[in-house]
């Protein structure tokens, strides 16, 4: 399997659960396309052109996108985020879990600002 096909297969496998969940909201034609992609992937046949069709991108764009996973699918990996005082009155810094609730100011009970 060539490098680009291997990369797109890796991205598909990594994000497949999220992709399936998202797919449930798509029109039937796109759900069928995802089913075809899965079947082709199981058979270890090329899927880059099909994933490009699903994403509405060129094969080259899809190859580039899959180097870091399928954009918009999967849990993602947020960079460390830090939050500061809501009105910048103090230098308090708080962090949170990726996709977790925003930290709140203990004095004003308002959401802290992303820094």
PDB file of N, CA and C in Angstrom:
ATOM      1  N   UNK A   1       0.859  -1.169   0.000  1.00  0.00           N
ATOM      2  CA  UNK A   1       0.000   0.000   0.000  1.00  0.00           C
ATOM      3  C   UNK A   1       0.906   1.232   0.000  1.00  0.00           C
ATOM      4  N   UNK A   2       0.683   2.155  -0.902  1.00  0.00           N
ATOM      5  CA  UNK A   2       1.518   3.355  -0.995  1.00  0.00           C
ATOM      6  C   UNK A   2       1.282   4.280   0.186  1.00  0.00           C
ATOM      7  N   UNK A   3       2.185   5.223   0.394  1.00  0.00           N
ATOM      8  CA  UNK A   3       2.155   6.112   1.550  1.00  0.00           C
ATOM      9  C   UNK A   3       0.874   6.901   1.714  1.00  0.00           C
ATOM     10  N   UNK A   4       0.374   7.478   0.630  1.00  0.00           N
ATOM     11  CA  UNK A   4      -0.842   8.293   0.720  1.00  0.00           C
ATOM     12  C   UNK A   4      -2.048   7.436   1.098  1.00  0.00           C
ATOM     13  N   UNK A   5      -2.140   6.266   0.515  1.00  0.00           N
ATOM     14  CA  UNK A   5      -3.255   5.367   0.842  1.00  0.00           C
ATOM     15  C   UNK A   5      -3.147   4.899   2.297  1.00  0.00           C
ATOM     16  N   UNK A   6      -1.942   4.633   2.719  1.00  0.00           N
ATOM     17  CA  UNK A   6      -1.731   4.212   4.108  1.00  0.00           C
ATOM     18  C   UNK A   6      -2.132   5.330   5.075  1.00  0.00           C
ATOM     19  N   UNK A   7      -1.779   6.555   4.743  1.00  0.00           N
ATOM     20  CA  UNK A   7      -2.117   7.696   5.599  1.00  0.00           C
ATOM     21  C   UNK A   7      -3.623   7.904   5.683  1.00  0.00           C
ATOM     22  N   UNK A   8      -4.313   7.797   4.555  1.00  0.00           N
ATOM     23  CA  UNK A   8      -5.766   8.002   4.576  1.00  0.00           C
ATOM     24  C   UNK A   8      -6.451   6.849   5.313  1.00  0.00           C
ATOM     25  N   UNK A   9      -5.939   5.650   5.195  1.00  0.00           N
ATOM     26  CA  UNK A   9      -6.501   4.519   5.925  1.00  0.00           C
ATOM     27  C   UNK A   9      -6.287   4.708   7.428  1.00  0.00           C
ATOM     28  N   UNK A  10      -5.119   5.162   7.799  1.00  0.00           N
ATOM     29  CA  UNK A  10      -4.835   5.431   9.216  1.00  0.00           C
ATOM     30  C   UNK A  10      -5.787   6.485   9.763  1.00  0.00           C
ATOM     31  N   UNK A  11      -5.965   7.566   9.009  1.00  0.00           N
ATOM     32  CA  UNK A  11      -6.870   8.633   9.446  1.00  0.00           C
ATOM     33  C   UNK A  11      -8.302   8.116   9.546  1.00  0.00           C
ATOM     34  N   UNK A  12      -8.708   7.297   8.596  1.00  0.00           N
ATOM     35  CA  UNK A  12     -10.055   6.729   8.619  1.00  0.00           C
ATOM     36  C   UNK A  12     -10.239   5.869   9.860  1.00  0.00           C
ATOM     37  N   UNK A  13      -9.302   4.994  10.121  1.00  0.00           N
ATOM     38  CA  UNK A  13      -9.418   4.107  11.283  1.00  0.00           C
ATOM     39  C   UNK A  13      -9.430   4.892  12.587  1.00  0.00           C
ATOM     40  N   UNK A  14      -8.614   5.912  12.655  1.00  0.00           N
ATOM     41  CA  UNK A  14      -8.525   6.724  13.872  1.00  0.00           C
ATOM     42  C   UNK A  14      -9.823   7.472  14.141  1.00  0.00           C
ATOM     43  N   UNK A  15     -10.457   7.992  13.101  1.00  0.00           N
ATOM     44  CA  UNK A  15     -11.658   8.802  13.285  1.00  0.00           C
ATOM     45  C   UNK A  15     -12.954   8.123  12.911  1.00  0.00           C
ATOM     46  N   UNK A  16     -12.934   6.825  12.713  1.00  0.00           N
ATOM     47  CA  UNK A  16     -14.120   6.155  12.172  1.00  0.00           C
ATOM     48  C   UNK A  16     -15.333   6.223  13.092  1.00  0.00           C
ATOM     49  N   UNK A  17     -15.144   6.073  14.379  1.00  0.00           N
ATOM     50  CA  UNK A  17     -16.306   6.134  15.278  1.00  0.00           C
ATOM     51  C   UNK A  17     -17.002   7.490  15.179  1.00  0.00           C
ATOM     52  N   UNK A  18     -16.232   8.555  15.205  1.00  0.00           N
ATOM     53  CA  UNK A  18     -16.810   9.894  15.103  1.00  0.00           C
ATOM     54  C   UNK A  18     -17.417  10.117  13.722  1.00  0.00           C
ATOM     55  N   UNK A  19     -16.762   9.595  12.693  1.00  0.00           N
ATOM     56  CA  UNK A  19     -17.269   9.740  11.335  1.00  0.00           C
ATOM     57  C   UNK A  19     -18.610   9.022  11.180  1.00  0.00           C
ATOM     58  N   UNK A  20     -18.714   7.844  11.754  1.00  0.00           N
ATOM     59  CA  UNK A  20     -19.986   7.112  11.699  1.00  0.00           C
ATOM     60  C   UNK A  20     -21.092   7.883  12.413  1.00  0.00           C
ATOM     61  N   UNK A  21     -20.776   8.440  13.562  1.00  0.00           N
ATOM     62  CA  UNK A  21     -21.774   9.214  14.308  1.00  0.00           C
ATOM     63  C   UNK A  21     -22.225  10.431  13.508  1.00  0.00           C
ATOM     64  N   UNK A  22     -21.288  11.118  12.909  1.00  0.00           N
ATOM     65  CA  UNK A  22     -21.614  12.289  12.081  1.00  0.00           C
ATOM     66  C   UNK A  22     -22.435  11.863  10.870  1.00  0.00           C
ATOM     67  N   UNK A  23     -22.073  10.734  10.301  1.00  0.00           N
ATOM     68  CA  UNK A  23     -22.715  10.231   9.090  1.00  0.00           C
ATOM     69  C   UNK A  23     -24.201   9.968   9.294  1.00  0.00           C
ATOM     70  N   UNK A  24     -24.602   9.663  10.496  1.00  0.00           N
ATOM     71  CA  UNK A  24     -26.009   9.377  10.769  1.00  0.00           C
ATOM     72  C   UNK A  24     -26.901  10.570  10.424  1.00  0.00           C
ATOM     73  N   UNK A  25     -26.317  11.755  10.357  1.00  0.00           N
ATOM     74  CA  UNK A  25     -27.083  12.967  10.052  1.00  0.00           C
ATOM     75  C   UNK A  25     -27.020  13.342   8.571  1.00  0.00           C
ATOM     76  N   UNK A  26     -26.294  12.592   7.797  1.00  0.00           N
ATOM     77  CA  UNK A  26     -26.091  12.913   6.382  1.00  0.00           C
ATOM     78  C   UNK A  26     -27.173  12.292   5.512  1.00  0.00           C
ATOM     79  N   UNK A  27     -27.282  12.788   4.277  1.00  0.00           N
ATOM     80  CA  UNK A  27     -28.205  12.163   3.317  1.00  0.00           C
ATOM     81  C   UNK A  27     -27.774  10.719   3.017  1.00  0.00           C
ATOM     82  N   UNK A  28     -28.734   9.932   2.573  1.00  0.00           N
ATOM     83  CA  UNK A  28     -28.492   8.512   2.284  1.00  0.00           C
ATOM     84  C   UNK A  28     -27.317   8.298   1.325  1.00  0.00           C
ATOM     85  N   UNK A  29     -27.168   9.134   0.333  1.00  0.00           N
ATOM     86  CA  UNK A  29     -26.094   8.938  -0.651  1.00  0.00           C
ATOM     87  C   UNK A  29     -24.712   9.023   0.015  1.00  0.00           C
ATOM     88  N   UNK A  30     -24.559   9.921   0.962  1.00  0.00           N
ATOM     89  CA  UNK A  30     -23.271  10.038   1.663  1.00  0.00           C
ATOM     90  C   UNK A  30     -23.075   8.879   2.639  1.00  0.00           C
ATOM     91  N   UNK A  31     -24.142   8.408   3.248  1.00  0.00           N
ATOM     92  CA  UNK A  31     -24.025   7.247   4.143  1.00  0.00           C
ATOM     93  C   UNK A  31     -23.603   6.016   3.340  1.00  0.00           C
ATOM     94  N   UNK A  32     -24.156   5.888   2.134  1.00  0.00           N
ATOM     95  CA  UNK A  32     -23.764   4.767   1.273  1.00  0.00           C
ATOM     96  C   UNK A  32     -22.302   4.883   0.855  1.00  0.00           C
ATOM     97  N   UNK A  33     -21.864   6.112   0.599  1.00  0.00           N
ATOM     98  CA  UNK A  33     -20.466   6.316   0.233  1.00  0.00           C
ATOM     99  C   UNK A  33     -19.551   5.922   1.390  1.00  0.00           C
ATOM    100  N   UNK A  34     -19.907   6.277   2.612  1.00  0.00           N
ATOM    101  CA  UNK A  34     -19.093   5.868   3.756  1.00  0.00           C
ATOM    102  C   UNK A  34     -19.072   4.352   3.890  1.00  0.00           C
ATOM    103  N   UNK A  35     -20.207   3.705   3.682  1.00  0.00           N
ATOM    104  CA  UNK A  35     -20.258   2.238   3.741  1.00  0.00           C
ATOM    105  C   UNK A  35     -19.343   1.629   2.676  1.00  0.00           C
ATOM    106  N   UNK A  36     -19.323   2.236   1.497  1.00  0.00           N
ATOM    107  CA  UNK A  36     -18.445   1.748   0.428  1.00  0.00           C
ATOM    108  C   UNK A  36     -16.976   1.945   0.810  1.00  0.00           C
ATOM    109  N   UNK A  37     -16.673   3.096   1.400  1.00  0.00           N
ATOM    110  CA  UNK A  37     -15.294   3.361   1.840  1.00  0.00           C
ATOM    111  C   UNK A  37     -14.868   2.300   2.851  1.00  0.00           C
ATOM    112  N   UNK A  38     -15.740   2.002   3.798  1.00  0.00           N
ATOM    113  CA  UNK A  38     -15.413   0.997   4.802  1.00  0.00           C
ATOM    114  C   UNK A  38     -15.180  -0.376   4.158  1.00  0.00           C
ATOM    115  N   UNK A  39     -16.035  -0.748   3.216  1.00  0.00           N
ATOM    116  CA  UNK A  39     -15.895  -2.043   2.541  1.00  0.00           C
ATOM    117  C   UNK A  39     -14.586  -2.108   1.761  1.00  0.00           C
ATOM    118  N   UNK A  40     -14.276  -1.042   1.047  1.00  0.00           N
ATOM    119  CA  UNK A  40     -13.029  -1.008   0.281  1.00  0.00           C
ATOM    120  C   UNK A  40     -11.815  -1.046   1.216  1.00  0.00           C
ATOM    121  N   UNK A  41     -11.915  -0.342   2.324  1.00  0.00           N
ATOM    122  CA  UNK A  41     -10.812  -0.327   3.286  1.00  0.00           C
ATOM    123  C   UNK A  41     -10.603  -1.708   3.898  1.00  0.00           C
ATOM    124  N   UNK A  42     -11.690  -2.385   4.233  1.00  0.00           N
ATOM    125  CA  UNK A  42     -11.578  -3.744   4.781  1.00  0.00           C
ATOM    126  C   UNK A  42     -10.902  -4.677   3.786  1.00  0.00           C
ATOM    127  N   UNK A  43     -11.205  -4.470   2.514  1.00  0.00           N
ATOM    128  CA  UNK A  43     -10.612  -5.299   1.454  1.00  0.00           C
ATOM    129  C   UNK A  43      -9.206  -4.827   1.087  1.00  0.00           C
ATOM    130  N   UNK A  44      -8.766  -3.757   1.730  1.00  0.00           N
ATOM    131  CA  UNK A  44      -7.436  -3.171   1.507  1.00  0.00           C
ATOM    132  C   UNK A  44      -7.238  -2.699   0.072  1.00  0.00           C
ATOM    133  N   UNK A  45      -8.328  -2.163  -0.477  1.00  0.00           N
ATOM    134  CA  UNK A  45      -8.247  -1.541  -1.790  1.00  0.00           C
ATOM    135  C   UNK A  45      -8.122  -0.033  -1.601  1.00  0.00           C
ATOM    136  N   UNK A  46      -7.676   0.702  -2.604  1.00  0.00           N
ATOM    137  CA  UNK A  46      -7.496   2.153  -2.487  1.00  0.00           C
ATOM    138  C   UNK A  46      -8.791   2.874  -2.114  1.00  0.00           C
ATOM    139  N   UNK A  47      -8.678   3.823  -1.185  1.00  0.00           N
ATOM    140  CA  UNK A  47      -9.849   4.585  -0.741  1.00  0.00           C
ATOM    141  C   UNK A  47      -9.638   6.095  -0.831  1.00  0.00           C
ATOM    142  N   UNK A  48      -8.443   6.523  -1.166  1.00  0.00           N
ATOM    143  CA  UNK A  48      -8.157   7.961  -1.188  1.00  0.00           C
ATOM    144  C   UNK A  48      -9.164   8.711  -2.056  1.00  0.00           C
ATOM    145  N   UNK A  49      -9.443   8.203  -3.250  1.00  0.00           N
ATOM    146  CA  UNK A  49     -10.372   8.894  -4.143  1.00  0.00           C
ATOM    147  C   UNK A  49     -11.793   8.933  -3.571  1.00  0.00           C
ATOM    148  N   UNK A  50     -12.181   7.895  -2.832  1.00  0.00           N
ATOM    149  CA  UNK A  50     -13.517   7.866  -2.232  1.00  0.00           C
ATOM    150  C   UNK A  50     -13.617   8.817  -1.040  1.00  0.00           C
ATOM    151  N   UNK A  51     -12.561   8.866  -0.227  1.00  0.00           N
ATOM    152  CA  UNK A  51     -12.564   9.782   0.912  1.00  0.00           C
ATOM    153  C   UNK A  51     -12.571  11.222   0.397  1.00  0.00           C
ATOM    154  N   UNK A  52     -11.839  11.475  -0.675  1.00  0.00           N
ATOM    155  CA  UNK A  52     -11.853  12.815  -1.276  1.00  0.00           C
ATOM    156  C   UNK A  52     -13.264  13.178  -1.729  1.00  0.00           C
ATOM    157  N   UNK A  53     -13.953  12.235  -2.317  1.00  0.00           N
ATOM    158  CA  UNK A  53     -15.329  12.464  -2.752  1.00  0.00           C
ATOM    159  C   UNK A  53     -16.228  12.746  -1.544  1.00  0.00           C
ATOM    160  N   UNK A  54     -16.063  11.983  -0.469  1.00  0.00           N
ATOM    161  CA  UNK A  54     -16.864  12.174   0.740  1.00  0.00           C
ATOM    162  C   UNK A  54     -16.641  13.558   1.345  1.00  0.00           C
ATOM    163  N   UNK A  55     -15.384  13.994   1.346  1.00  0.00           N
ATOM    164  CA  UNK A  55     -15.045  15.285   1.944  1.00  0.00           C
ATOM    165  C   UNK A  55     -15.230  16.452   0.990  1.00  0.00           C
ATOM    166  N   UNK A  56     -15.420  16.171  -0.294  1.00  0.00           N
ATOM    167  CA  UNK A  56     -15.576  17.238  -1.277  1.00  0.00           C
ATOM    168  C   UNK A  56     -14.277  17.971  -1.546  1.00  0.00           C
ATOM    169  N   UNK A  57     -13.175  17.222  -1.535  1.00  0.00           N
ATOM    170  CA  UNK A  57     -11.854  17.799  -1.769  1.00  0.00           C
ATOM    171  C   UNK A  57     -11.168  17.050  -2.896  1.00  0.00           C
ATOM    172  N   UNK A  58     -10.043  17.605  -3.336  1.00  0.00           N
ATOM    173  CA  UNK A  58      -9.244  16.882  -4.329  1.00  0.00           C
ATOM    174  C   UNK A  58      -8.472  15.777  -3.606  1.00  0.00           C
ATOM    175  N   UNK A  59      -7.935  14.855  -4.367  1.00  0.00           N
ATOM    176  CA  UNK A  59      -7.153  13.779  -3.752  1.00  0.00           C
ATOM    177  C   UNK A  59      -5.920  14.348  -3.057  1.00  0.00           C
ATOM    178  N   UNK A  60      -5.284  15.342  -3.644  1.00  0.00           N
ATOM    179  CA  UNK A  60      -4.108  15.948  -3.020  1.00  0.00           C
ATOM    180  C   UNK A  60      -4.479  16.655  -1.722  1.00  0.00           C
ATOM    181  N   UNK A  61      -5.585  17.387  -1.729  1.00  0.00           N
ATOM    182  CA  UNK A  61      -6.036  18.051  -0.496  1.00  0.00           C
ATOM    183  C   UNK A  61      -6.358  17.018   0.582  1.00  0.00           C
ATOM    184  N   UNK A  62      -6.989  15.939   0.180  1.00  0.00           N
ATOM    185  CA  UNK A  62      -7.335  14.884   1.128  1.00  0.00           C
ATOM    186  C   UNK A  62      -6.074  14.252   1.685  1.00  0.00           C
ATOM    187  N   UNK A  63      -5.105  14.005   0.846  1.00  0.00           N
ATOM    188  CA  UNK A  63      -3.839  13.426   1.309  1.00  0.00           C
ATOM    189  C   UNK A  63      -3.191  14.330   2.338  1.00  0.00           C
ATOM    190  N   UNK A  64      -3.193  15.636   2.071  1.00  0.00           N
ATOM    191  CA  UNK A  64      -2.602  16.582   3.016  1.00  0.00           C
ATOM    192  C   UNK A  64      -3.398  16.642   4.314  1.00  0.00           C
ATOM    193  N   UNK A  65      -4.719  16.621   4.212  1.00  0.00           N
ATOM    194  CA  UNK A  65      -5.572  16.681   5.400  1.00  0.00           C
ATOM    195  C   UNK A  65      -5.375  15.468   6.292  1.00  0.00           C
ATOM    196  N   UNK A  66      -5.206  14.314   5.696  1.00  0.00           N
ATOM    197  CA  UNK A  66      -5.139  13.090   6.484  1.00  0.00           C
ATOM    198  C   UNK A  66      -3.798  12.903   7.174  1.00  0.00           C
ATOM    199  N   UNK A  67      -2.846  13.750   6.884  1.00  0.00           N
ATOM    200  CA  UNK A  67      -1.574  13.621   7.594  1.00  0.00           C
ATOM    201  C   UNK A  67      -1.764  13.896   9.079  1.00  0.00           C
ATOM    202  N   UNK A  68      -2.821  14.612   9.437  1.00  0.00           N
ATOM    203  CA  UNK A  68      -3.101  14.892  10.841  1.00  0.00           C
ATOM    204  C   UNK A  68      -4.459  14.373  11.276  1.00  0.00           C
ATOM    205  N   UNK A  69      -5.052  13.478  10.514  1.00  0.00           N
ATOM    206  CA  UNK A  69      -6.382  12.968  10.834  1.00  0.00           C
ATOM    207  C   UNK A  69      -7.413  13.653   9.959  1.00  0.00           C
ATOM    208  N   UNK A  70      -8.579  13.092   9.896  1.00  0.00           N
ATOM    209  CA  UNK A  70      -9.641  13.680   9.084  1.00  0.00           C
ATOM    210  C   UNK A  70     -10.188  14.907   9.794  1.00  0.00           C
ATOM    211  N   UNK A  71     -10.047  16.036   9.163  1.00  0.00           N
ATOM    212  CA  UNK A  71     -10.487  17.292   9.776  1.00  0.00           C
ATOM    213  C   UNK A  71     -11.956  17.242  10.132  1.00  0.00           C
ATOM    214  N   UNK A  72     -12.240  17.644  11.344  1.00  0.00           N
ATOM    215  CA  UNK A  72     -13.623  17.690  11.787  1.00  0.00           C
ATOM    216  C   UNK A  72     -14.168  16.384  12.307  1.00  0.00           C
ATOM    217  N   UNK A  73     -13.404  15.320  12.252  1.00  0.00           N
ATOM    218  CA  UNK A  73     -13.868  14.034  12.720  1.00  0.00           C
ATOM    219  C   UNK A  73     -12.917  13.529  13.780  1.00  0.00           C
ATOM    220  N   UNK A  74     -13.439  12.847  14.728  1.00  0.00           N
ATOM    221  CA  UNK A  74     -12.650  12.317  15.820  1.00  0.00           C
ATOM    222  C   UNK A  74     -12.593  13.292  16.964  1.00  0.00           C
ATOM    223  N   UNK A  75     -12.084  12.841  18.070  1.00  0.00           N
ATOM    224  CA  UNK A  75     -12.103  13.674  19.258  1.00  0.00           C
ATOM    225  C   UNK A  75     -11.171  14.856  19.197  1.00  0.00           C
ATOM    226  N   UNK A  76     -10.184  14.811  18.350  1.00  0.00           N
ATOM    227  CA  UNK A  76      -9.226  15.905  18.273  1.00  0.00           C
ATOM    228  C   UNK A  76      -8.320  15.930  19.475  1.00  0.00           C
ATOM    229  N   UNK A  77      -7.352  16.760  19.403  1.00  0.00           N
ATOM    230  CA  UNK A  77      -6.410  16.904  20.496  1.00  0.00           C
ATOM    231  C   UNK A  77      -6.126  18.383  20.649  1.00  0.00           C
ATOM    232  N   UNK A  78      -6.816  18.992  21.570  1.00  0.00           N
ATOM    233  CA  UNK A  78      -6.664  20.423  21.765  1.00  0.00           C
ATOM    234  C   UNK A  78      -5.300  20.739  22.364  1.00  0.00           C
ATOM    235  N   UNK A  79      -4.740  21.837  21.932  1.00  0.00           N
ATOM    236  CA  UNK A  79      -3.537  22.327  22.580  1.00  0.00           C
ATOM    237  C   UNK A  79      -3.929  22.772  23.975  1.00  0.00           C
ATOM    238  N   UNK A  80      -2.931  22.886  24.825  1.00  0.00           N
ATOM    239  CA  UNK A  80      -3.228  23.351  26.169  1.00  0.00           C
ATOM    240  C   UNK A  80      -3.845  24.739  26.080  1.00  0.00           C
ATOM    241  N   UNK A  81      -4.950  24.905  26.727  1.00  0.00           N
ATOM    242  CA  UNK A  81      -5.622  26.189  26.733  1.00  0.00           C
ATOM    243  C   UNK A  81      -5.491  26.788  28.121  1.00  0.00           C
ATOM    244  N   UNK A  82      -5.337  28.090  28.167  1.00  0.00           N
ATOM    245  CA  UNK A  82      -5.317  28.764  29.456  1.00  0.00           C
ATOM    246  C   UNK A  82      -6.337  29.884  29.441  1.00  0.00           C
ATOM    247  N   UNK A  83      -6.833  30.169  30.616  1.00  0.00           N
ATOM    248  CA  UNK A  83      -7.896  31.154  30.790  1.00  0.00           C
ATOM    249  C   UNK A  83      -7.484  32.111  31.890  1.00  0.00           C
ATOM    250  N   UNK A  84      -7.887  33.359  31.704  1.00  0.00           N
ATOM    251  CA  UNK A  84      -7.541  34.374  32.679  1.00  0.00           C
ATOM    252  C   UNK A  84      -8.760  35.092  33.201  1.00  0.00           C
ATOM    253  N   UNK A  85      -8.483  36.018  34.072  1.00  0.00           N
ATOM    254  CA  UNK A  85      -9.515  36.817  34.727  1.00  0.00           C
ATOM    255  C   UNK A  85     -10.478  37.394  33.689  1.00  0.00           C
ATOM    256  N   UNK A  86     -11.789  37.292  33.936  1.00  0.00           N
ATOM    257  CA  UNK A  86     -12.780  37.765  32.970  1.00  0.00           C
ATOM    258  C   UNK A  86     -12.616  39.234  32.579  1.00  0.00           C
ATOM    259  N   UNK A  87     -12.246  40.071  33.537  1.00  0.00           N
ATOM    260  CA  UNK A  87     -12.098  41.491  33.206  1.00  0.00           C
ATOM    261  C   UNK A  87     -10.640  41.959  33.352  1.00  0.00           C
ATOM    262  N   UNK A  88      -9.747  40.986  33.392  1.00  0.00           N
ATOM    263  CA  UNK A  88      -8.294  41.226  33.451  1.00  0.00           C
ATOM    264  C   UNK A  88      -7.877  42.023  34.703  1.00  0.00           C
ATOM    265  N   UNK A  89      -8.624  41.884  35.748  1.00  0.00           N
ATOM    266  CA  UNK A  89      -8.307  42.600  36.977  1.00  0.00           C
ATOM    267  C   UNK A  89      -7.174  41.933  37.753  1.00  0.00           C
ATOM    268  N   UNK A  90      -6.974  40.649  37.548  1.00  0.00           N
ATOM    269  CA  UNK A  90      -5.883  39.957  38.230  1.00  0.00           C
ATOM    270  C   UNK A  90      -5.152  39.077  37.223  1.00  0.00           C
ATOM    271  N   UNK A  91      -4.105  38.422  37.665  1.00  0.00           N
ATOM    272  CA  UNK A  91      -3.286  37.587  36.785  1.00  0.00           C
ATOM    273  C   UNK A  91      -3.569  36.101  36.973  1.00  0.00           C
ATOM    274  N   UNK A  92      -4.695  35.774  37.526  1.00  0.00           N
ATOM    275  CA  UNK A  92      -5.071  34.371  37.718  1.00  0.00           C
ATOM    276  C   UNK A  92      -5.105  33.663  36.363  1.00  0.00           C
ATOM    277  N   UNK A  93      -4.527  32.458  36.314  1.00  0.00           N
ATOM    278  CA  UNK A  93      -4.548  31.638  35.108  1.00  0.00           C
ATOM    279  C   UNK A  93      -5.099  30.270  35.495  1.00  0.00           C
ATOM    280  N   UNK A  94      -6.033  29.781  34.724  1.00  0.00           N
ATOM    281  CA  UNK A  94      -6.614  28.461  34.954  1.00  0.00           C
ATOM    282  C   UNK A  94      -6.556  27.670  33.656  1.00  0.00           C
ATOM    283  N   UNK A  95      -6.515  26.358  33.777  1.00  0.00           N
ATOM    284  CA  UNK A  95      -6.566  25.480  32.603  1.00  0.00           C
ATOM    285  C   UNK A  95      -7.777  24.570  32.758  1.00  0.00           C
ATOM    286  N   UNK A  96      -8.123  23.903  31.689  1.00  0.00           N
ATOM    287  CA  UNK A  96      -9.262  22.993  31.706  1.00  0.00           C
ATOM    288  C   UNK A  96      -8.938  21.794  30.835  1.00  0.00           C
ATOM    289  N   UNK A  97      -9.702  20.756  30.984  1.00  0.00           N
ATOM    290  CA  UNK A  97      -9.569  19.599  30.104  1.00  0.00           C
ATOM    291  C   UNK A  97     -10.034  19.990  28.716  1.00  0.00           C
ATOM    292  N   UNK A  98      -9.430  19.420  27.662  1.00  0.00           N
ATOM    293  CA  UNK A  98      -9.911  19.720  26.315  1.00  0.00           C
ATOM    294  C   UNK A  98     -11.410  19.454  26.203  1.00  0.00           C
ATOM    295  N   UNK A  99     -12.110  20.410  25.649  1.00  0.00           N
ATOM    296  CA  UNK A  99     -13.560  20.359  25.457  1.00  0.00           C
ATOM    297  C   UNK A  99     -14.334  20.320  26.774  1.00  0.00           C
ATOM    298  N   UNK A 100     -13.650  20.632  27.871  1.00  0.00           N
ATOM    299  CA  UNK A 100     -14.318  20.668  29.164  1.00  0.00           C
ATOM    300  C   UNK A 100     -14.998  22.000  29.387  1.00  0.00           C
ATOM    301  N   UNK A 101     -15.651  22.149  30.513  1.00  0.00           N
ATOM    302  CA  UNK A 101     -16.333  23.413  30.802  1.00  0.00           C
ATOM    303  C   UNK A 101     -15.317  24.527  31.018  1.00  0.00           C
ATOM    304  N   UNK A 102     -15.721  25.734  30.679  1.00  0.00           N
ATOM    305  CA  UNK A 102     -14.837  26.876  30.894  1.00  0.00           C
ATOM    306  C   UNK A 102     -14.673  27.109  32.386  1.00  0.00           C
ATOM    307  N   UNK A 103     -13.452  27.437  32.808  1.00  0.00           N
ATOM    308  CA  UNK A 103     -13.277  27.770  34.218  1.00  0.00           C
ATOM    309  C   UNK A 103     -14.026  29.055  34.542  1.00  0.00           C
ATOM    310  N   UNK A 104     -14.440  29.165  35.780  1.00  0.00           N
ATOM    311  CA  UNK A 104     -15.199  30.332  36.209  1.00  0.00           C
ATOM    312  C   UNK A 104     -14.411  31.075  37.280  1.00  0.00           C
ATOM    313  N   UNK A 105     -14.574  32.368  37.301  1.00  0.00           N
ATOM    314  CA  UNK A 105     -13.958  33.204  38.308  1.00  0.00           C
ATOM    315  C   UNK A 105     -14.608  32.889  39.649  1.00  0.00           C
ATOM    316  N   UNK A 106     -13.776  32.648  40.661  1.00  0.00           N
ATOM    317  CA  UNK A 106     -14.332  32.304  41.969  1.00  0.00           C
ATOM    318  C   UNK A 106     -14.981  33.505  42.650  1.00  0.00           C
ATOM    319  N   UNK A 107     -14.631  34.703  42.229  1.00  0.00           N
ATOM    320  CA  UNK A 107     -15.211  35.903  42.841  1.00  0.00           C
ATOM    321  C   UNK A 107     -16.495  36.347  42.167  1.00  0.00           C
ATOM    322  N   UNK A 108     -16.496  36.383  40.847  1.00  0.00           N
ATOM    323  CA  UNK A 108     -17.654  36.917  40.120  1.00  0.00           C
ATOM    324  C   UNK A 108     -18.561  35.840  39.542  1.00  0.00           C
ATOM    325  N   UNK A 109     -18.084  34.591  39.551  1.00  0.00           N
ATOM    326  CA  UNK A 109     -18.802  33.448  38.975  1.00  0.00           C
ATOM    327  C   UNK A 109     -19.114  33.643  37.496  1.00  0.00           C
ATOM    328  N   UNK A 110     -18.223  34.328  36.792  1.00  0.00           N
ATOM    329  CA  UNK A 110     -18.358  34.502  35.335  1.00  0.00           C
ATOM    330  C   UNK A 110     -17.267  33.686  34.657  1.00  0.00           C
ATOM    331  N   UNK A 111     -17.511  33.322  33.420  1.00  0.00           N
ATOM    332  CA  UNK A 111     -16.536  32.543  32.668  1.00  0.00           C
ATOM    333  C   UNK A 111     -15.248  33.322  32.498  1.00  0.00           C
ATOM    334  N   UNK A 112     -14.148  32.605  32.658  1.00  0.00           N
ATOM    335  CA  UNK A 112     -12.846  33.227  32.461  1.00  0.00           C
ATOM    336  C   UNK A 112     -12.604  33.381  30.957  1.00  0.00           C
ATOM    337  N   UNK A 113     -11.689  34.261  30.590  1.00  0.00           N
ATOM    338  CA  UNK A 113     -11.370  34.541  29.178  1.00  0.00           C
ATOM    339  C   UNK A 113     -10.251  33.648  28.682  1.00  0.00           C
ATOM    340  N   UNK A 114     -10.404  33.172  27.468  1.00  0.00           N
ATOM    341  CA  UNK A 114      -9.326  32.406  26.832  1.00  0.00           C
ATOM    342  C   UNK A 114      -8.173  33.351  26.560  1.00  0.00           C
ATOM    343  N   UNK A 115      -6.976  32.892  26.883  1.00  0.00           N
ATOM    344  CA  UNK A 115      -5.793  33.733  26.669  1.00  0.00           C
ATOM    345  C   UNK A 115      -5.103  33.363  25.385  1.00  0.00           C
TER     346      UNK A 115
END
